[in-house]
Structures are given as structure tokens and as C-alpha cells.
Amino acid sequence: MAQSLDNALGKTESANTRASLAWRKSSRSIANGQCIEAVTLPDGRLAVRDSVDKGGPTATFTPCEWSTFVKRIKDGDYEI
């Protein structure tokens, strides 16, 4: 289940870890403001956020959840 980055990191670790995360954006990204950034967290989960709203909401996923999501996109299960 996706959760916020603060919940994923825990209150005490959040500020220190958040500052040291190396977010990345797809090399296929264009400057139209409709991109996400992703980072792998210390515990192996993946966090994603809106590249325009860096301080906004962030969702985290286990590797299995993310793989399932990507597979379903490739299989055409979502209208994008």
C-alpha cells in the first residue's frame, strides 16, 4: 500500500534522510511539467513525487507493488 514519505521514513529519520535522497527523473522527461521523480529509500522501497511540487505529497511503494504497477501500465490496464 502506498504511503507518504514521512510515514515511510518515520518522524525522527525523515528530516535527515529526506535531505540526503538523490531523486532522479527519466531521461525521456520533457519540460512540460508532467513528470515524476523517483528515489530508492534505504529500506528498498521506491518513493515517487511530482517533479514540479518537490515539497508536496510523496507516495512510497514496495518493489513488488511498483513492479506490478509498471507491468499493468505496459499491459494497457490503465489509460494514459
C-alpha atoms as a PDB file:
ATOM      1  CA  MET A   1       0.000   0.000   0.000  1.00  0.00           C
ATOM      2  CA  ALA A   2       1.363   3.418  -0.916  1.00  0.00           C
ATOM      3  CA  GLN A   3       2.103   5.779   1.939  1.00  0.00           C
ATOM      4  CA  SER A   4       3.623   9.202   2.442  1.00  0.00           C
ATOM      5  CA  LEU A   5       7.380   9.599   2.585  1.00  0.00           C
ATOM      6  CA  ASP A   6       7.250  10.945   6.156  1.00  0.00           C
ATOM      7  CA  ASN A   7       5.275   7.883   7.253  1.00  0.00           C
ATOM      8  CA  ALA A   8       7.666   5.597   5.395  1.00  0.00           C
ATOM      9  CA  LEU A   9      10.777   7.123   6.956  1.00  0.00           C
ATOM     10  CA  GLY A  10       9.406   7.738  10.421  1.00  0.00           C
ATOM     11  CA  LYS A  11       9.348  11.087  12.177  1.00  0.00           C
ATOM     12  CA  THR A  12      12.926  11.041  13.530  1.00  0.00           C
ATOM     13  CA  GLU A  13      14.614   9.792  10.359  1.00  0.00           C
ATOM     14  CA  SER A  14      12.530  11.845   7.959  1.00  0.00           C
ATOM     15  CA  ALA A  15      14.320  15.212   8.041  1.00  0.00           C
ATOM     16  CA  ASN A  16      17.839  13.771   7.851  1.00  0.00           C
ATOM     17  CA  THR A  17      17.066  11.189   5.197  1.00  0.00           C
ATOM     18  CA  ARG A  18      14.844  13.441   3.079  1.00  0.00           C
ATOM     19  CA  ALA A  19      17.712  15.937   2.668  1.00  0.00           C
ATOM     20  CA  SER A  20      20.149  13.248   1.507  1.00  0.00           C
ATOM     21  CA  LEU A  21      17.916  11.496  -1.056  1.00  0.00           C
ATOM     22  CA  ALA A  22      19.125  11.570  -4.678  1.00  0.00           C
ATOM     23  CA  TRP A  23      15.893  11.942  -6.659  1.00  0.00           C
ATOM     24  CA  ARG A  24      16.045  11.128 -10.373  1.00  0.00           C
ATOM     25  CA  LYS A  25      13.843  11.932 -13.336  1.00  0.00           C
ATOM     26  CA  SER A  26      13.538   9.946 -16.559  1.00  0.00           C
ATOM     27  CA  SER A  27      15.898  10.904 -19.363  1.00  0.00           C
ATOM     28  CA  ARG A  28      12.782  10.845 -21.577  1.00  0.00           C
ATOM     29  CA  SER A  29      11.213  13.590 -19.492  1.00  0.00           C
ATOM     30  CA  ILE A  30      10.367  16.818 -21.285  1.00  0.00           C
ATOM     31  CA  ALA A  31       9.845  20.250 -19.788  1.00  0.00           C
ATOM     32  CA  ASN A  32       6.031  20.213 -19.847  1.00  0.00           C
ATOM     33  CA  GLY A  33       5.570  19.873 -16.083  1.00  0.00           C
ATOM     34  CA  GLN A  34       4.013  16.397 -16.196  1.00  0.00           C
ATOM     35  CA  CYS A  35       6.840  14.294 -14.800  1.00  0.00           C
ATOM     36  CA  ILE A  36       7.593  12.337 -11.685  1.00  0.00           C
ATOM     37  CA  GLU A  37      10.839  11.851  -9.819  1.00  0.00           C
ATOM     38  CA  ALA A  38      11.786   8.623  -8.079  1.00  0.00           C
ATOM     39  CA  VAL A  39      14.241   7.513  -5.423  1.00  0.00           C
ATOM     40  CA  THR A  40      15.062   4.220  -3.754  1.00  0.00           C
ATOM     41  CA  LEU A  41      14.756   4.532   0.020  1.00  0.00           C
ATOM     42  CA  PRO A  42      17.230   2.992   2.489  1.00  0.00           C
ATOM     43  CA  ASP A  43      14.844   0.076   3.139  1.00  0.00           C
ATOM     44  CA  GLY A  44      14.494  -0.741  -0.594  1.00  0.00           C
ATOM     45  CA  ARG A  45      11.104   0.850  -1.206  1.00  0.00           C
ATOM     46  CA  LEU A  46      10.593   3.287  -4.078  1.00  0.00           C
ATOM     47  CA  ALA A  47       9.279   6.807  -3.490  1.00  0.00           C
ATOM     48  CA  VAL A  48       7.753   8.953  -6.244  1.00  0.00           C
ATOM     49  CA  ARG A  49       6.761  12.616  -6.320  1.00  0.00           C
ATOM     50  CA  ASP A  50       5.635  15.309  -8.734  1.00  0.00           C
ATOM     51  CA  SER A  51       8.766  16.899 -10.203  1.00  0.00           C
ATOM     52  CA  VAL A  52       7.169  20.363 -10.062  1.00  0.00           C
ATOM     53  CA  ASP A  53       5.932  20.112  -6.455  1.00  0.00           C
ATOM     54  CA  LYS A  54       9.046  18.796  -4.724  1.00  0.00           C
ATOM     55  CA  GLY A  55       7.680  19.605  -1.272  1.00  0.00           C
ATOM     56  CA  GLY A  56       4.269  18.133  -1.995  1.00  0.00           C
ATOM     57  CA  PRO A  57       2.882  14.652  -1.413  1.00  0.00           C
ATOM     58  CA  THR A  58       5.118  11.648  -1.978  1.00  0.00           C
ATOM     59  CA  ALA A  59       3.981   8.055  -2.360  1.00  0.00           C
ATOM     60  CA  THR A  60       6.092   5.028  -1.474  1.00  0.00           C
ATOM     61  CA  PHE A  61       5.832   1.520  -2.863  1.00  0.00           C
ATOM     62  CA  THR A  62       7.416  -1.832  -2.148  1.00  0.00           C
ATOM     63  CA  PRO A  63       9.414  -3.277  -5.050  1.00  0.00           C
ATOM     64  CA  CYS A  64       6.563  -5.747  -5.692  1.00  0.00           C
ATOM     65  CA  GLU A  65       3.919  -3.003  -5.751  1.00  0.00           C
ATOM     66  CA  TRP A  66       5.989  -0.899  -8.155  1.00  0.00           C
ATOM     67  CA  SER A  67       6.726  -3.848 -10.470  1.00  0.00           C
ATOM     68  CA  THR A  68       3.040  -4.727 -10.577  1.00  0.00           C
ATOM     69  CA  PHE A  69       2.109  -1.118 -11.368  1.00  0.00           C
ATOM     70  CA  VAL A  70       4.664  -0.876 -14.206  1.00  0.00           C
ATOM     71  CA  LYS A  71       3.562  -4.251 -15.630  1.00  0.00           C
ATOM     72  CA  ARG A  72      -0.077  -3.165 -15.631  1.00  0.00           C
ATOM     73  CA  ILE A  73       0.837   0.031 -17.472  1.00  0.00           C
ATOM     74  CA  LYS A  74       2.730  -1.967 -20.099  1.00  0.00           C
ATOM     75  CA  ASP A  75      -0.184  -4.387 -20.371  1.00  0.00           C
ATOM     76  CA  GLY A  76      -2.543  -1.478 -21.087  1.00  0.00           C
ATOM     77  CA  ASP A  77      -4.576  -1.810 -17.879  1.00  0.00           C
ATOM     78  CA  TYR A  78      -4.526   1.984 -17.365  1.00  0.00           C
ATOM     79  CA  GLU A  79      -5.490   4.704 -19.804  1.00  0.00           C
ATOM     80  CA  ILE A  80      -2.527   7.044 -20.001  1.00  0.00           C
END
